[in-house]
């Protein structure tokens, strides 16, 4: 396995004109994405809650969480985002990938549209 990065546009909501392009480390094992707080502040995105997260070594960290709108290659969607603090790196997690309808191909280390599934009762 290798490291996968992707540049996505981040903004407050779909119609926002203020946009930041962020280079993310793609981690399909992470639940939420993380954007540096400085960028979120510039976009006018404010945290609305605090959550506890665990690092790989078991260390617990508290971080604020907010919502943002993400775009990748013309497709977009909203997702929760961790308000990054000093030393935190931008991270693209599973919730954002799913919101955008994307899946990480671990062999080619590229993002692709996911096969969208739903259930339907037979009549």
PDB file of N, CA and C in Angstrom:
ATOM      1  N   UNK A   1       0.843  -1.182   0.000  1.00  0.00           N
ATOM      2  CA  UNK A   1       0.000   0.000   0.000  1.00  0.00           C
ATOM      3  C   UNK A   1       0.882   1.236   0.000  1.00  0.00           C
ATOM      4  N   UNK A   2       0.370   2.294  -0.561  1.00  0.00           N
ATOM      5  CA  UNK A   2       1.106   3.542  -0.600  1.00  0.00           C
ATOM      6  C   UNK A   2       0.234   4.684  -0.130  1.00  0.00           C
ATOM      7  N   UNK A   3       0.794   5.855  -0.174  1.00  0.00           N
ATOM      8  CA  UNK A   3       0.071   7.053   0.243  1.00  0.00           C
ATOM      9  C   UNK A   3      -0.686   7.618  -0.941  1.00  0.00           C
ATOM     10  N   UNK A   4      -1.931   7.999  -0.691  1.00  0.00           N
ATOM     11  CA  UNK A   4      -2.762   8.601  -1.720  1.00  0.00           C
ATOM     12  C   UNK A   4      -3.146  10.002  -1.279  1.00  0.00           C
ATOM     13  N   UNK A   5      -2.979  10.955  -2.176  1.00  0.00           N
ATOM     14  CA  UNK A   5      -3.408  12.322  -1.897  1.00  0.00           C
ATOM     15  C   UNK A   5      -4.372  12.772  -2.986  1.00  0.00           C
ATOM     16  N   UNK A   6      -5.200  13.746  -2.641  1.00  0.00           N
ATOM     17  CA  UNK A   6      -6.140  14.307  -3.609  1.00  0.00           C
ATOM     18  C   UNK A   6      -6.404  15.760  -3.238  1.00  0.00           C
ATOM     19  N   UNK A   7      -6.541  16.588  -4.256  1.00  0.00           N
ATOM     20  CA  UNK A   7      -6.868  17.996  -4.038  1.00  0.00           C
ATOM     21  C   UNK A   7      -8.369  18.162  -4.224  1.00  0.00           C
ATOM     22  N   UNK A   8      -9.030  18.665  -3.178  1.00  0.00           N
ATOM     23  CA  UNK A   8     -10.468  18.916  -3.214  1.00  0.00           C
ATOM     24  C   UNK A   8     -10.727  20.378  -2.904  1.00  0.00           C
ATOM     25  N   UNK A   9     -11.854  20.872  -3.398  1.00  0.00           N
ATOM     26  CA  UNK A   9     -12.306  22.211  -3.056  1.00  0.00           C
ATOM     27  C   UNK A   9     -13.163  22.085  -1.805  1.00  0.00           C
ATOM     28  N   UNK A  10     -12.999  23.039  -0.899  1.00  0.00           N
ATOM     29  CA  UNK A  10     -13.777  23.072   0.335  1.00  0.00           C
ATOM     30  C   UNK A  10     -14.441  24.438   0.421  1.00  0.00           C
ATOM     31  N   UNK A  11     -15.718  24.436   0.806  1.00  0.00           N
ATOM     32  CA  UNK A  11     -16.432  25.692   1.014  1.00  0.00           C
ATOM     33  C   UNK A  11     -17.529  25.498   2.039  1.00  0.00           C
ATOM     34  N   UNK A  12     -18.152  26.599   2.444  1.00  0.00           N
ATOM     35  CA  UNK A  12     -19.152  26.520   3.513  1.00  0.00           C
ATOM     36  C   UNK A  12     -20.378  25.729   3.078  1.00  0.00           C
ATOM     37  N   UNK A  13     -20.898  26.033   1.906  1.00  0.00           N
ATOM     38  CA  UNK A  13     -22.047  25.304   1.362  1.00  0.00           C
ATOM     39  C   UNK A  13     -21.967  25.339  -0.160  1.00  0.00           C
ATOM     40  N   UNK A  14     -22.871  24.634  -0.805  1.00  0.00           N
ATOM     41  CA  UNK A  14     -22.791  24.432  -2.255  1.00  0.00           C
ATOM     42  C   UNK A  14     -22.679  25.729  -3.044  1.00  0.00           C
ATOM     43  N   UNK A  15     -23.380  26.774  -2.633  1.00  0.00           N
ATOM     44  CA  UNK A  15     -23.413  28.022  -3.403  1.00  0.00           C
ATOM     45  C   UNK A  15     -22.396  29.060  -2.934  1.00  0.00           C
ATOM     46  N   UNK A  16     -21.561  28.697  -1.985  1.00  0.00           N
ATOM     47  CA  UNK A  16     -20.550  29.644  -1.487  1.00  0.00           C
ATOM     48  C   UNK A  16     -19.570  30.037  -2.580  1.00  0.00           C
ATOM     49  N   UNK A  17     -19.165  31.297  -2.547  1.00  0.00           N
ATOM     50  CA  UNK A  17     -18.186  31.767  -3.522  1.00  0.00           C
ATOM     51  C   UNK A  17     -16.760  31.681  -2.982  1.00  0.00           C
ATOM     52  N   UNK A  18     -16.598  31.685  -1.647  1.00  0.00           N
ATOM     53  CA  UNK A  18     -15.274  31.508  -1.042  1.00  0.00           C
ATOM     54  C   UNK A  18     -14.925  30.035  -1.096  1.00  0.00           C
ATOM     55  N   UNK A  19     -13.790  29.738  -1.735  1.00  0.00           N
ATOM     56  CA  UNK A  19     -13.372  28.348  -1.921  1.00  0.00           C
ATOM     57  C   UNK A  19     -11.900  28.211  -1.542  1.00  0.00           C
ATOM     58  N   UNK A  20     -11.568  27.096  -0.914  1.00  0.00           N
ATOM     59  CA  UNK A  20     -10.165  26.774  -0.637  1.00  0.00           C
ATOM     60  C   UNK A  20      -9.857  25.431  -1.295  1.00  0.00           C
ATOM     61  N   UNK A  21      -8.722  25.331  -1.938  1.00  0.00           N
ATOM     62  CA  UNK A  21      -8.263  24.052  -2.474  1.00  0.00           C
ATOM     63  C   UNK A  21      -7.308  23.456  -1.444  1.00  0.00           C
ATOM     64  N   UNK A  22      -7.616  22.224  -1.021  1.00  0.00           N
ATOM     65  CA  UNK A  22      -6.841  21.583   0.036  1.00  0.00           C
ATOM     66  C   UNK A  22      -6.290  20.264  -0.480  1.00  0.00           C
ATOM     67  N   UNK A  23      -5.004  20.020  -0.232  1.00  0.00           N
ATOM     68  CA  UNK A  23      -4.367  18.754  -0.596  1.00  0.00           C
ATOM     69  C   UNK A  23      -4.506  17.796   0.587  1.00  0.00           C
ATOM     70  N   UNK A  24      -5.349  16.774   0.422  1.00  0.00           N
ATOM     71  CA  UNK A  24      -5.666  15.834   1.485  1.00  0.00           C
ATOM     72  C   UNK A  24      -4.892  14.524   1.346  1.00  0.00           C
ATOM     73  N   UNK A  25      -4.542  13.938   2.467  1.00  0.00           N
ATOM     74  CA  UNK A  25      -4.123  12.546   2.526  1.00  0.00           C
ATOM     75  C   UNK A  25      -5.414  11.747   2.570  1.00  0.00           C
ATOM     76  N   UNK A  26      -5.602  10.801   1.666  1.00  0.00           N
ATOM     77  CA  UNK A  26      -6.826   9.999   1.627  1.00  0.00           C
ATOM     78  C   UNK A  26      -6.660   8.826   2.580  1.00  0.00           C
ATOM     79  N   UNK A  27      -7.590   8.708   3.527  1.00  0.00           N
ATOM     80  CA  UNK A  27      -7.567   7.620   4.506  1.00  0.00           C
ATOM     81  C   UNK A  27      -8.976   7.058   4.628  1.00  0.00           C
ATOM     82  N   UNK A  28      -9.274   6.032   3.839  1.00  0.00           N
ATOM     83  CA  UNK A  28     -10.618   5.461   3.844  1.00  0.00           C
ATOM     84  C   UNK A  28     -10.928   4.753   5.160  1.00  0.00           C
ATOM     85  N   UNK A  29      -9.933   4.601   6.037  1.00  0.00           N
ATOM     86  CA  UNK A  29     -10.156   4.014   7.355  1.00  0.00           C
ATOM     87  C   UNK A  29     -10.542   5.053   8.395  1.00  0.00           C
ATOM     88  N   UNK A  30     -10.362   6.326   8.072  1.00  0.00           N
ATOM     89  CA  UNK A  30     -10.786   7.407   8.975  1.00  0.00           C
ATOM     90  C   UNK A  30     -12.253   7.708   8.698  1.00  0.00           C
ATOM     91  N   UNK A  31     -12.996   8.059   9.723  1.00  0.00           N
ATOM     92  CA  UNK A  31     -14.418   8.360   9.525  1.00  0.00           C
ATOM     93  C   UNK A  31     -14.588   9.773   8.974  1.00  0.00           C
ATOM     94  N   UNK A  32     -14.126  10.771   9.705  1.00  0.00           N
ATOM     95  CA  UNK A  32     -14.290  12.162   9.286  1.00  0.00           C
ATOM     96  C   UNK A  32     -13.052  12.669   8.564  1.00  0.00           C
ATOM     97  N   UNK A  33     -13.250  13.717   7.775  1.00  0.00           N
ATOM     98  CA  UNK A  33     -12.138  14.436   7.168  1.00  0.00           C
ATOM     99  C   UNK A  33     -11.665  15.507   8.143  1.00  0.00           C
ATOM    100  N   UNK A  34     -10.448  16.002   7.936  1.00  0.00           N
ATOM    101  CA  UNK A  34      -9.896  17.067   8.760  1.00  0.00           C
ATOM    102  C   UNK A  34      -9.371  18.170   7.846  1.00  0.00           C
ATOM    103  N   UNK A  35      -9.767  19.392   8.148  1.00  0.00           N
ATOM    104  CA  UNK A  35      -9.293  20.572   7.429  1.00  0.00           C
ATOM    105  C   UNK A  35      -8.675  21.505   8.472  1.00  0.00           C
ATOM    106  N   UNK A  36      -7.515  22.085   8.186  1.00  0.00           N
ATOM    107  CA  UNK A  36      -6.919  23.023   9.143  1.00  0.00           C
ATOM    108  C   UNK A  36      -7.911  24.130   9.532  1.00  0.00           C
ATOM    109  N   UNK A  37      -7.972  24.414  10.821  1.00  0.00           N
ATOM    110  CA  UNK A  37      -8.892  25.422  11.329  1.00  0.00           C
ATOM    111  C   UNK A  37      -8.716  26.782  10.682  1.00  0.00           C
ATOM    112  N   UNK A  38      -7.473  27.125  10.351  1.00  0.00           N
ATOM    113  CA  UNK A  38      -7.196  28.417   9.708  1.00  0.00           C
ATOM    114  C   UNK A  38      -7.970  28.537   8.387  1.00  0.00           C
ATOM    115  N   UNK A  39      -8.013  27.464   7.620  1.00  0.00           N
ATOM    116  CA  UNK A  39      -8.746  27.470   6.347  1.00  0.00           C
ATOM    117  C   UNK A  39     -10.249  27.566   6.602  1.00  0.00           C
ATOM    118  N   UNK A  40     -10.735  26.795   7.573  1.00  0.00           N
ATOM    119  CA  UNK A  40     -12.165  26.846   7.896  1.00  0.00           C
ATOM    120  C   UNK A  40     -12.560  28.241   8.366  1.00  0.00           C
ATOM    121  N   UNK A  41     -11.706  28.884   9.163  1.00  0.00           N
ATOM    122  CA  UNK A  41     -11.975  30.253   9.610  1.00  0.00           C
ATOM    123  C   UNK A  41     -12.088  31.199   8.418  1.00  0.00           C
ATOM    124  N   UNK A  42     -11.162  31.079   7.461  1.00  0.00           N
ATOM    125  CA  UNK A  42     -11.183  31.948   6.276  1.00  0.00           C
ATOM    126  C   UNK A  42     -12.455  31.750   5.459  1.00  0.00           C
ATOM    127  N   UNK A  43     -13.018  30.542   5.506  1.00  0.00           N
ATOM    128  CA  UNK A  43     -14.247  30.239   4.762  1.00  0.00           C
ATOM    129  C   UNK A  43     -15.505  30.587   5.548  1.00  0.00           C
ATOM    130  N   UNK A  44     -15.346  30.992   6.808  1.00  0.00           N
ATOM    131  CA  UNK A  44     -16.499  31.339   7.637  1.00  0.00           C
ATOM    132  C   UNK A  44     -17.227  30.133   8.200  1.00  0.00           C
ATOM    133  N   UNK A  45     -16.525  29.007   8.321  1.00  0.00           N
ATOM    134  CA  UNK A  45     -17.133  27.773   8.832  1.00  0.00           C
ATOM    135  C   UNK A  45     -16.825  27.649  10.318  1.00  0.00           C
ATOM    136  N   UNK A  46     -17.877  27.552  11.131  1.00  0.00           N
ATOM    137  CA  UNK A  46     -17.714  27.521  12.576  1.00  0.00           C
ATOM    138  C   UNK A  46     -18.029  26.149  13.154  1.00  0.00           C
ATOM    139  N   UNK A  47     -17.234  25.690  14.121  1.00  0.00           N
ATOM    140  CA  UNK A  47     -17.506  24.410  14.788  1.00  0.00           C
ATOM    141  C   UNK A  47     -18.803  24.483  15.594  1.00  0.00           C
ATOM    142  N   UNK A  48     -19.493  23.340  15.722  1.00  0.00           N
ATOM    143  CA  UNK A  48     -20.734  23.299  16.479  1.00  0.00           C
ATOM    144  C   UNK A  48     -20.726  22.256  17.598  1.00  0.00           C
ATOM    145  N   UNK A  49     -19.682  21.435  17.665  1.00  0.00           N
ATOM    146  CA  UNK A  49     -19.578  20.465  18.757  1.00  0.00           C
ATOM    147  C   UNK A  49     -18.137  20.047  18.954  1.00  0.00           C
ATOM    148  N   UNK A  50     -17.878  19.321  20.040  1.00  0.00           N
ATOM    149  CA  UNK A  50     -16.544  18.797  20.312  1.00  0.00           C
ATOM    150  C   UNK A  50     -16.650  17.281  20.453  1.00  0.00           C
ATOM    151  N   UNK A  51     -15.654  16.582  19.911  1.00  0.00           N
ATOM    152  CA  UNK A  51     -15.636  15.122  19.971  1.00  0.00           C
ATOM    153  C   UNK A  51     -14.238  14.655  20.375  1.00  0.00           C
ATOM    154  N   UNK A  52     -14.156  13.412  20.849  1.00  0.00           N
ATOM    155  CA  UNK A  52     -12.868  12.819  21.188  1.00  0.00           C
ATOM    156  C   UNK A  52     -12.475  11.846  20.091  1.00  0.00           C
ATOM    157  N   UNK A  53     -11.237  11.943  19.623  1.00  0.00           N
ATOM    158  CA  UNK A  53     -10.698  11.093  18.568  1.00  0.00           C
ATOM    159  C   UNK A  53      -9.478  10.357  19.109  1.00  0.00           C
ATOM    160  N   UNK A  54      -9.196   9.179  18.568  1.00  0.00           N
ATOM    161  CA  UNK A  54      -8.032   8.394  18.972  1.00  0.00           C
ATOM    162  C   UNK A  54      -6.998   8.374  17.869  1.00  0.00           C
ATOM    163  N   UNK A  55      -5.738   8.568  18.254  1.00  0.00           N
ATOM    164  CA  UNK A  55      -4.627   8.412  17.320  1.00  0.00           C
ATOM    165  C   UNK A  55      -4.266   6.931  17.235  1.00  0.00           C
ATOM    166  N   UNK A  56      -3.446   6.574  16.266  1.00  0.00           N
ATOM    167  CA  UNK A  56      -3.052   5.176  16.068  1.00  0.00           C
ATOM    168  C   UNK A  56      -2.364   4.593  17.308  1.00  0.00           C
ATOM    169  N   UNK A  57      -1.685   5.437  18.086  1.00  0.00           N
ATOM    170  CA  UNK A  57      -0.996   4.945  19.288  1.00  0.00           C
ATOM    171  C   UNK A  57      -1.907   4.886  20.511  1.00  0.00           C
ATOM    172  N   UNK A  58      -3.195   5.207  20.325  1.00  0.00           N
ATOM    173  CA  UNK A  58      -4.156   5.150  21.418  1.00  0.00           C
ATOM    174  C   UNK A  58      -4.357   6.466  22.146  1.00  0.00           C
ATOM    175  N   UNK A  59      -3.570   7.477  21.826  1.00  0.00           N
ATOM    176  CA  UNK A  59      -3.725   8.787  22.452  1.00  0.00           C
ATOM    177  C   UNK A  59      -5.081   9.384  22.079  1.00  0.00           C
ATOM    178  N   UNK A  60      -5.790   9.932  23.059  1.00  0.00           N
ATOM    179  CA  UNK A  60      -7.083  10.573  22.813  1.00  0.00           C
ATOM    180  C   UNK A  60      -6.901  12.076  22.662  1.00  0.00           C
ATOM    181  N   UNK A  61      -7.551  12.648  21.659  1.00  0.00           N
ATOM    182  CA  UNK A  61      -7.511  14.087  21.410  1.00  0.00           C
ATOM    183  C   UNK A  61      -8.928  14.613  21.279  1.00  0.00           C
ATOM    184  N   UNK A  62      -9.174  15.801  21.808  1.00  0.00           N
ATOM    185  CA  UNK A  62     -10.459  16.465  21.610  1.00  0.00           C
ATOM    186  C   UNK A  62     -10.300  17.452  20.470  1.00  0.00           C
ATOM    187  N   UNK A  63     -11.254  17.418  19.575  1.00  0.00           N
ATOM    188  CA  UNK A  63     -11.264  18.361  18.459  1.00  0.00           C
ATOM    189  C   UNK A  63     -12.694  18.839  18.230  1.00  0.00           C
ATOM    190  N   UNK A  64     -12.793  20.075  17.740  1.00  0.00           N
ATOM    191  CA  UNK A  64     -14.098  20.610  17.373  1.00  0.00           C
ATOM    192  C   UNK A  64     -14.483  20.080  15.998  1.00  0.00           C
ATOM    193  N   UNK A  65     -15.792  20.021  15.751  1.00  0.00           N
ATOM    194  CA  UNK A  65     -16.315  19.485  14.493  1.00  0.00           C
ATOM    195  C   UNK A  65     -17.301  20.492  13.894  1.00  0.00           C
ATOM    196  N   UNK A  66     -17.294  20.588  12.578  1.00  0.00           N
ATOM    197  CA  UNK A  66     -18.221  21.458  11.860  1.00  0.00           C
ATOM    198  C   UNK A  66     -18.655  20.731  10.583  1.00  0.00           C
ATOM    199  N   UNK A  67     -19.350  21.425   9.713  1.00  0.00           N
ATOM    200  CA  UNK A  67     -19.774  20.848   8.434  1.00  0.00           C
ATOM    201  C   UNK A  67     -19.212  21.701   7.305  1.00  0.00           C
ATOM    202  N   UNK A  68     -18.879  21.052   6.198  1.00  0.00           N
ATOM    203  CA  UNK A  68     -18.368  21.767   5.029  1.00  0.00           C
ATOM    204  C   UNK A  68     -18.887  21.080   3.769  1.00  0.00           C
ATOM    205  N   UNK A  69     -18.725  21.763   2.659  1.00  0.00           N
ATOM    206  CA  UNK A  69     -19.109  21.221   1.357  1.00  0.00           C
ATOM    207  C   UNK A  69     -17.815  20.945   0.593  1.00  0.00           C
ATOM    208  N   UNK A  70     -17.677  19.730   0.079  1.00  0.00           N
ATOM    209  CA  UNK A  70     -16.474  19.298  -0.622  1.00  0.00           C
ATOM    210  C   UNK A  70     -16.785  19.068  -2.103  1.00  0.00           C
ATOM    211  N   UNK A  71     -15.817  19.368  -2.973  1.00  0.00           N
ATOM    212  CA  UNK A  71     -15.957  19.087  -4.401  1.00  0.00           C
ATOM    213  C   UNK A  71     -14.700  18.412  -4.924  1.00  0.00           C
ATOM    214  N   UNK A  72     -14.921  17.404  -5.786  1.00  0.00           N
ATOM    215  CA  UNK A  72     -13.822  16.700  -6.443  1.00  0.00           C
ATOM    216  C   UNK A  72     -14.239  16.421  -7.878  1.00  0.00           C
ATOM    217  N   UNK A  73     -13.472  16.959  -8.816  1.00  0.00           N
ATOM    218  CA  UNK A  73     -13.725  16.771 -10.245  1.00  0.00           C
ATOM    219  C   UNK A  73     -15.183  17.038 -10.612  1.00  0.00           C
ATOM    220  N   UNK A  74     -15.709  18.161 -10.113  1.00  0.00           N
ATOM    221  CA  UNK A  74     -17.047  18.603 -10.495  1.00  0.00           C
ATOM    222  C   UNK A  74     -18.189  18.015  -9.687  1.00  0.00           C
ATOM    223  N   UNK A  75     -17.928  17.043  -8.852  1.00  0.00           N
ATOM    224  CA  UNK A  75     -18.972  16.444  -8.014  1.00  0.00           C
ATOM    225  C   UNK A  75     -18.803  16.949  -6.590  1.00  0.00           C
ATOM    226  N   UNK A  76     -19.926  17.195  -5.900  1.00  0.00           N
ATOM    227  CA  UNK A  76     -19.818  17.733  -4.560  1.00  0.00           C
ATOM    228  C   UNK A  76     -20.811  17.140  -3.595  1.00  0.00           C
ATOM    229  N   UNK A  77     -20.556  17.413  -2.312  1.00  0.00           N
ATOM    230  CA  UNK A  77     -21.465  16.973  -1.265  1.00  0.00           C
ATOM    231  C   UNK A  77     -21.014  17.486   0.092  1.00  0.00           C
ATOM    232  N   UNK A  78     -21.969  17.590   1.031  1.00  0.00           N
ATOM    233  CA  UNK A  78     -21.642  18.045   2.380  1.00  0.00           C
ATOM    234  C   UNK A  78     -21.171  16.895   3.258  1.00  0.00           C
ATOM    235  N   UNK A  79     -20.362  17.230   4.260  1.00  0.00           N
ATOM    236  CA  UNK A  79     -19.888  16.202   5.193  1.00  0.00           C
ATOM    237  C   UNK A  79     -19.394  16.869   6.471  1.00  0.00           C
ATOM    238  N   UNK A  80     -19.432  16.123   7.588  1.00  0.00           N
ATOM    239  CA  UNK A  80     -18.818  16.648   8.811  1.00  0.00           C
ATOM    240  C   UNK A  80     -17.309  16.752   8.608  1.00  0.00           C
ATOM    241  N   UNK A  81     -16.694  17.689   9.299  1.00  0.00           N
ATOM    242  CA  UNK A  81     -15.249  17.878   9.165  1.00  0.00           C
ATOM    243  C   UNK A  81     -14.663  18.264  10.518  1.00  0.00           C
ATOM    244  N   UNK A  82     -13.502  17.703  10.813  1.00  0.00           N
ATOM    245  CA  UNK A  82     -12.788  18.025  12.043  1.00  0.00           C
ATOM    246  C   UNK A  82     -12.044  19.339  11.828  1.00  0.00           C
ATOM    247  N   UNK A  83     -12.167  20.227  12.811  1.00  0.00           N
ATOM    248  CA  UNK A  83     -11.502  21.517  12.809  1.00  0.00           C
ATOM    249  C   UNK A  83     -10.066  21.294  13.273  1.00  0.00           C
ATOM    250  N   UNK A  84      -9.142  21.255  12.318  1.00  0.00           N
ATOM    251  CA  UNK A  84      -7.757  20.927  12.620  1.00  0.00           C
ATOM    252  C   UNK A  84      -7.038  21.996  13.416  1.00  0.00           C
ATOM    253  N   UNK A  85      -6.159  21.544  14.295  1.00  0.00           N
ATOM    254  CA  UNK A  85      -5.339  22.439  15.105  1.00  0.00           C
ATOM    255  C   UNK A  85      -3.882  22.332  14.654  1.00  0.00           C
ATOM    256  N   UNK A  86      -3.024  23.135  15.260  1.00  0.00           N
ATOM    257  CA  UNK A  86      -1.598  23.147  14.934  1.00  0.00           C
ATOM    258  C   UNK A  86      -1.043  21.729  14.932  1.00  0.00           C
ATOM    259  N   UNK A  87      -0.377  21.342  13.846  1.00  0.00           N
ATOM    260  CA  UNK A  87       0.223  20.016  13.743  1.00  0.00           C
ATOM    261  C   UNK A  87      -0.676  18.964  13.107  1.00  0.00           C
ATOM    262  N   UNK A  88      -1.982  19.235  12.977  1.00  0.00           N
ATOM    263  CA  UNK A  88      -2.901  18.295  12.323  1.00  0.00           C
ATOM    264  C   UNK A  88      -2.778  18.441  10.805  1.00  0.00           C
ATOM    265  N   UNK A  89      -2.755  17.336  10.109  1.00  0.00           N
ATOM    266  CA  UNK A  89      -2.635  17.353   8.650  1.00  0.00           C
ATOM    267  C   UNK A  89      -4.003  17.142   7.999  1.00  0.00           C
ATOM    268  N   UNK A  90      -4.256  17.759   6.835  1.00  0.00           N
ATOM    269  CA  UNK A  90      -5.526  17.543   6.140  1.00  0.00           C
ATOM    270  C   UNK A  90      -5.718  16.058   5.816  1.00  0.00           C
ATOM    271  N   UNK A  91      -6.892  15.561   6.113  1.00  0.00           N
ATOM    272  CA  UNK A  91      -7.194  14.141   5.960  1.00  0.00           C
ATOM    273  C   UNK A  91      -8.561  14.001   5.322  1.00  0.00           C
ATOM    274  N   UNK A  92      -8.683  13.148   4.327  1.00  0.00           N
ATOM    275  CA  UNK A  92      -9.957  12.892   3.654  1.00  0.00           C
ATOM    276  C   UNK A  92     -10.461  11.525   4.104  1.00  0.00           C
ATOM    277  N   UNK A  93     -11.560  11.517   4.853  1.00  0.00           N
ATOM    278  CA  UNK A  93     -12.082  10.288   5.438  1.00  0.00           C
ATOM    279  C   UNK A  93     -13.284   9.710   4.708  1.00  0.00           C
ATOM    280  N   UNK A  94     -13.774   8.600   5.232  1.00  0.00           N
ATOM    281  CA  UNK A  94     -14.830   7.809   4.592  1.00  0.00           C
ATOM    282  C   UNK A  94     -16.150   8.557   4.446  1.00  0.00           C
ATOM    283  N   UNK A  95     -16.524   9.359   5.442  1.00  0.00           N
ATOM    284  CA  UNK A  95     -17.797  10.073   5.363  1.00  0.00           C
ATOM    285  C   UNK A  95     -17.823  11.016   4.169  1.00  0.00           C
ATOM    286  N   UNK A  96     -16.737  11.734   3.963  1.00  0.00           N
ATOM    287  CA  UNK A  96     -16.656  12.647   2.818  1.00  0.00           C
ATOM    288  C   UNK A  96     -16.612  11.864   1.511  1.00  0.00           C
ATOM    289  N   UNK A  97     -15.827  10.789   1.466  1.00  0.00           N
ATOM    290  CA  UNK A  97     -15.774   9.971   0.254  1.00  0.00           C
ATOM    291  C   UNK A  97     -17.168   9.474  -0.112  1.00  0.00           C
ATOM    292  N   UNK A  98     -17.918   8.987   0.873  1.00  0.00           N
ATOM    293  CA  UNK A  98     -19.264   8.480   0.606  1.00  0.00           C
ATOM    294  C   UNK A  98     -20.206   9.598   0.176  1.00  0.00           C
ATOM    295  N   UNK A  99     -20.078  10.765   0.784  1.00  0.00           N
ATOM    296  CA  UNK A  99     -20.918  11.898   0.407  1.00  0.00           C
ATOM    297  C   UNK A  99     -20.695  12.290  -1.057  1.00  0.00           C
ATOM    298  N   UNK A 100     -19.463  12.134  -1.513  1.00  0.00           N
ATOM    299  CA  UNK A 100     -19.125  12.458  -2.902  1.00  0.00           C
ATOM    300  C   UNK A 100     -19.348  11.277  -3.851  1.00  0.00           C
ATOM    301  N   UNK A 101     -19.715  10.120  -3.297  1.00  0.00           N
ATOM    302  CA  UNK A 101     -19.908   8.934  -4.133  1.00  0.00           C
ATOM    303  C   UNK A 101     -18.606   8.397  -4.683  1.00  0.00           C
ATOM    304  N   UNK A 102     -17.539   8.469  -3.863  1.00  0.00           N
ATOM    305  CA  UNK A 102     -16.219   8.024  -4.305  1.00  0.00           C
ATOM    306  C   UNK A 102     -15.721   6.849  -3.483  1.00  0.00           C
ATOM    307  N   UNK A 103     -14.864   6.063  -4.088  1.00  0.00           N
ATOM    308  CA  UNK A 103     -14.199   4.960  -3.403  1.00  0.00           C
ATOM    309  C   UNK A 103     -12.721   5.004  -3.779  1.00  0.00           C
ATOM    310  N   UNK A 104     -11.877   4.615  -2.825  1.00  0.00           N
ATOM    311  CA  UNK A 104     -10.436   4.569  -3.067  1.00  0.00           C
ATOM    312  C   UNK A 104     -10.060   3.194  -3.602  1.00  0.00           C
ATOM    313  N   UNK A 105      -9.412   3.165  -4.765  1.00  0.00           N
ATOM    314  CA  UNK A 105      -8.874   1.915  -5.293  1.00  0.00           C
ATOM    315  C   UNK A 105      -7.491   1.752  -4.684  1.00  0.00           C
ATOM    316  N   UNK A 106      -7.309   0.787  -3.771  1.00  0.00           N
ATOM    317  CA  UNK A 106      -6.027   0.663  -3.072  1.00  0.00           C
ATOM    318  C   UNK A 106      -4.879   0.191  -3.967  1.00  0.00           C
ATOM    319  N   UNK A 107      -5.195  -0.406  -5.112  1.00  0.00           N
ATOM    320  CA  UNK A 107      -4.146  -0.914  -5.999  1.00  0.00           C
ATOM    321  C   UNK A 107      -3.562   0.190  -6.870  1.00  0.00           C
ATOM    322  N   UNK A 108      -4.442   1.065  -7.385  1.00  0.00           N
ATOM    323  CA  UNK A 108      -3.969   2.167  -8.231  1.00  0.00           C
ATOM    324  C   UNK A 108      -3.822   3.465  -7.452  1.00  0.00           C
ATOM    325  N   UNK A 109      -4.303   3.459  -6.198  1.00  0.00           N
ATOM    326  CA  UNK A 109      -4.268   4.639  -5.333  1.00  0.00           C
ATOM    327  C   UNK A 109      -4.940   5.843  -5.982  1.00  0.00           C
ATOM    328  N   UNK A 110      -6.107   5.585  -6.565  1.00  0.00           N
ATOM    329  CA  UNK A 110      -6.887   6.645  -7.205  1.00  0.00           C
ATOM    330  C   UNK A 110      -8.332   6.586  -6.706  1.00  0.00           C
ATOM    331  N   UNK A 111      -9.024   7.726  -6.836  1.00  0.00           N
ATOM    332  CA  UNK A 111     -10.429   7.804  -6.454  1.00  0.00           C
ATOM    333  C   UNK A 111     -11.301   7.549  -7.673  1.00  0.00           C
ATOM    334  N   UNK A 112     -12.373   6.782  -7.459  1.00  0.00           N
ATOM    335  CA  UNK A 112     -13.290   6.423  -8.543  1.00  0.00           C
ATOM    336  C   UNK A 112     -14.725   6.532  -8.051  1.00  0.00           C
ATOM    337  N   UNK A 113     -15.688   6.738  -8.961  1.00  0.00           N
ATOM    338  CA  UNK A 113     -17.092   6.715  -8.548  1.00  0.00           C
ATOM    339  C   UNK A 113     -17.436   5.346  -7.959  1.00  0.00           C
ATOM    340  N   UNK A 114     -18.173   5.351  -6.855  1.00  0.00           N
ATOM    341  CA  UNK A 114     -18.559   4.079  -6.251  1.00  0.00           C
ATOM    342  C   UNK A 114     -19.866   3.587  -6.846  1.00  0.00           C
ATOM    343  N   UNK A 115     -20.041   2.297  -6.801  1.00  0.00           N
ATOM    344  CA  UNK A 115     -21.289   1.698  -7.247  1.00  0.00           C
ATOM    345  C   UNK A 115     -22.321   1.990  -6.167  1.00  0.00           C
ATOM    346  N   UNK A 116     -23.357   2.727  -6.522  1.00  0.00           N
ATOM    347  CA  UNK A 116     -24.362   3.147  -5.551  1.00  0.00           C
ATOM    348  C   UNK A 116     -25.435   2.064  -5.431  1.00  0.00           C
ATOM    349  N   UNK A 117     -25.659   1.615  -4.220  1.00  0.00           N
ATOM    350  CA  UNK A 117     -26.626   0.551  -3.957  1.00  0.00           C
ATOM    351  C   UNK A 117     -27.791   1.080  -3.143  1.00  0.00           C
ATOM    352  N   UNK A 118     -28.959   0.466  -3.324  1.00  0.00           N
ATOM    353  CA  UNK A 118     -30.107   0.763  -2.488  1.00  0.00           C
ATOM    354  C   UNK A 118     -30.994  -0.471  -2.441  1.00  0.00           C
ATOM    355  N   UNK A 119     -31.852  -0.519  -1.463  1.00  0.00           N
ATOM    356  CA  UNK A 119     -32.780  -1.645  -1.310  1.00  0.00           C
ATOM    357  C   UNK A 119     -34.165  -1.219  -1.782  1.00  0.00           C
ATOM    358  N   UNK A 120     -34.913  -2.190  -2.314  1.00  0.00           N
ATOM    359  CA  UNK A 120     -36.266  -1.903  -2.774  1.00  0.00           C
ATOM    360  C   UNK A 120     -37.122  -3.126  -2.503  1.00  0.00           C
ATOM    361  N   UNK A 121     -38.266  -2.921  -1.928  1.00  0.00           N
ATOM    362  CA  UNK A 121     -39.191  -4.016  -1.669  1.00  0.00           C
ATOM    363  C   UNK A 121     -39.914  -4.385  -2.941  1.00  0.00           C
ATOM    364  N   UNK A 122     -40.067  -5.683  -3.176  1.00  0.00           N
ATOM    365  CA  UNK A 122     -40.819  -6.135  -4.335  1.00  0.00           C
ATOM    366  C   UNK A 122     -42.304  -6.006  -4.042  1.00  0.00           C
ATOM    367  N   UNK A 123     -43.070  -5.633  -5.033  1.00  0.00           N
ATOM    368  CA  UNK A 123     -44.527  -5.534  -4.878  1.00  0.00           C
ATOM    369  C   UNK A 123     -45.221  -6.644  -5.606  1.00  0.00           C
TER     370      UNK A 123
END
